[in-house]
Amino acid sequence: MIRVGETIQTLRPDGRKGVTLLKSAYERLSVQILEVLYGAEEAMTFHALLEHVLPGGGGDAAWEVLQIKLDLEARGFIKVYTPLYEKRAFYLKITAKGSRKIRE
């Protein structure tokens, strides 16, 4: 059970501490991110992920999605890669660990 006002410290892929977010918002958005990536037939860009998680939205919620994406990447639930043919593009893909978390 998550208590009101309970927070979580996120992680960053470079090993530094991330930001502190409300645990309820973190849980809701992290599950949404993993479900979108799990259901995707192929890897997607961060912009495409935002379109699925926050249709028509943005602002502070987009910033939270970015922070949670960084945390999920640091914890090994998603992978970010750049294809050889597109040096400026970054794609997101769920890992086996992330898939197991969604199926639980």
Protein backbone atom coordinates (compact mmCIF):
# COMPACT_ATOMS: atom_id res chain seq x y z
CA MET A 1 0.00 0.00 0.00
CA ILE A 2 1.37 3.40 -0.97
CA ARG A 3 0.78 6.15 1.57
CA VAL A 4 -0.17 9.65 0.45
CA GLY A 5 2.92 11.79 0.02
CA GLU A 6 5.31 8.82 -0.13
CA THR A 7 8.23 9.56 -2.47
CA ILE A 8 10.81 7.63 -4.46
CA GLN A 9 14.36 8.64 -5.40
CA THR A 10 14.95 7.93 -9.08
CA LEU A 11 18.23 6.81 -10.61
CA ARG A 12 20.05 7.99 -13.72
CA PRO A 13 21.86 5.78 -16.25
CA ASP A 14 25.16 7.57 -15.53
CA GLY A 15 25.04 6.43 -11.88
CA ARG A 16 24.01 9.74 -10.31
CA LYS A 17 20.91 10.20 -8.18
CA GLY A 18 17.88 11.38 -10.05
CA VAL A 19 14.96 13.39 -8.77
CA THR A 20 12.44 12.70 -6.03
CA LEU A 21 8.92 11.99 -7.28
CA LEU A 22 5.68 10.99 -5.66
CA LYS A 23 5.60 7.20 -5.56
CA SER A 24 2.00 7.07 -6.81
CA ALA A 25 2.87 9.10 -9.93
CA TYR A 26 6.05 7.06 -10.46
CA GLU A 27 4.19 3.74 -10.26
CA ARG A 28 1.42 4.88 -12.60
CA LEU A 29 3.71 6.34 -15.25
CA SER A 30 6.34 3.58 -15.08
CA VAL A 31 3.70 0.91 -15.68
CA GLN A 32 2.28 2.94 -18.58
CA ILE A 33 5.74 3.34 -20.15
CA LEU A 34 6.54 -0.36 -19.84
CA GLU A 35 3.12 -1.39 -21.17
CA VAL A 36 3.50 0.87 -24.23
CA LEU A 37 6.98 -0.49 -24.99
CA TYR A 38 5.86 -4.08 -24.30
CA GLY A 39 2.95 -3.73 -26.73
CA ALA A 40 5.00 -2.02 -29.44
CA GLU A 41 5.96 -4.19 -32.38
CA GLU A 42 9.30 -2.39 -32.72
CA ALA A 43 11.41 0.12 -30.85
CA MET A 44 10.10 3.69 -30.64
CA THR A 45 11.45 7.16 -30.11
CA PHE A 46 10.93 9.08 -26.89
CA HIS A 47 8.61 11.46 -28.75
CA ALA A 48 6.43 8.53 -29.89
CA LEU A 49 6.40 7.21 -26.32
CA LEU A 50 5.19 10.59 -25.06
CA GLU A 51 2.39 10.56 -27.65
CA HIS A 52 1.18 7.21 -26.27
CA VAL A 53 1.58 8.00 -22.57
CA LEU A 54 0.39 11.64 -22.68
CA PRO A 55 -1.89 12.08 -25.68
CA GLY A 56 -2.16 15.81 -26.29
CA GLY A 57 -0.37 16.59 -23.03
CA GLY A 58 3.02 17.82 -22.05
CA GLY A 59 4.57 20.28 -19.66
CA ASP A 60 5.39 18.96 -16.21
CA ALA A 61 4.01 15.52 -17.03
CA ALA A 62 6.44 15.19 -19.97
CA TRP A 63 9.30 16.07 -17.63
CA GLU A 64 8.15 13.35 -15.21
CA VAL A 65 7.98 10.81 -18.05
CA LEU A 66 11.56 11.71 -19.00
CA GLN A 67 12.77 11.26 -15.40
CA ILE A 68 10.98 7.92 -15.10
CA LYS A 69 12.37 6.80 -18.47
CA LEU A 70 15.88 7.56 -17.20
CA ASP A 71 15.15 5.59 -14.01
CA LEU A 72 13.79 2.57 -15.92
CA GLU A 73 16.87 2.68 -18.13
CA ALA A 74 19.18 2.80 -15.08
CA ARG A 75 17.36 -0.17 -13.51
CA GLY A 76 17.64 -2.23 -16.72
CA PHE A 77 13.93 -2.32 -17.63
CA ILE A 78 14.38 -0.47 -20.92
CA LYS A 79 17.27 -0.01 -23.32
CA VAL A 80 18.10 3.11 -25.33
CA TYR A 81 20.12 2.66 -28.51
CA THR A 82 21.15 4.50 -31.65
CA PRO A 83 20.97 2.62 -34.97
CA LEU A 84 24.06 2.66 -37.16
CA TYR A 85 22.19 4.31 -40.02
CA GLU A 86 20.69 7.14 -37.87
CA LYS A 87 23.36 8.72 -35.68
CA ARG A 88 21.01 11.36 -34.24
CA ALA A 89 18.08 9.09 -33.41
CA PHE A 90 17.53 7.36 -30.08
CA TYR A 91 15.16 4.41 -29.83
CA LEU A 92 13.63 2.81 -26.75
CA LYS A 93 13.07 -0.90 -26.37
CA ILE A 94 11.86 -2.96 -23.42
CA THR A 95 14.34 -5.51 -22.05
CA ALA A 96 13.62 -9.06 -20.91
CA LYS A 97 13.68 -7.77 -17.32
CA GLY A 98 11.06 -5.15 -18.20
CA SER A 99 8.90 -7.72 -19.96
CA ARG A 100 8.96 -9.94 -16.86
CA LYS A 101 7.89 -6.98 -14.69
CA ILE A 102 4.87 -6.30 -16.93
CA ARG A 103 3.81 -9.95 -17.00
CA GLU A 104 3.83 -10.12 -13.16
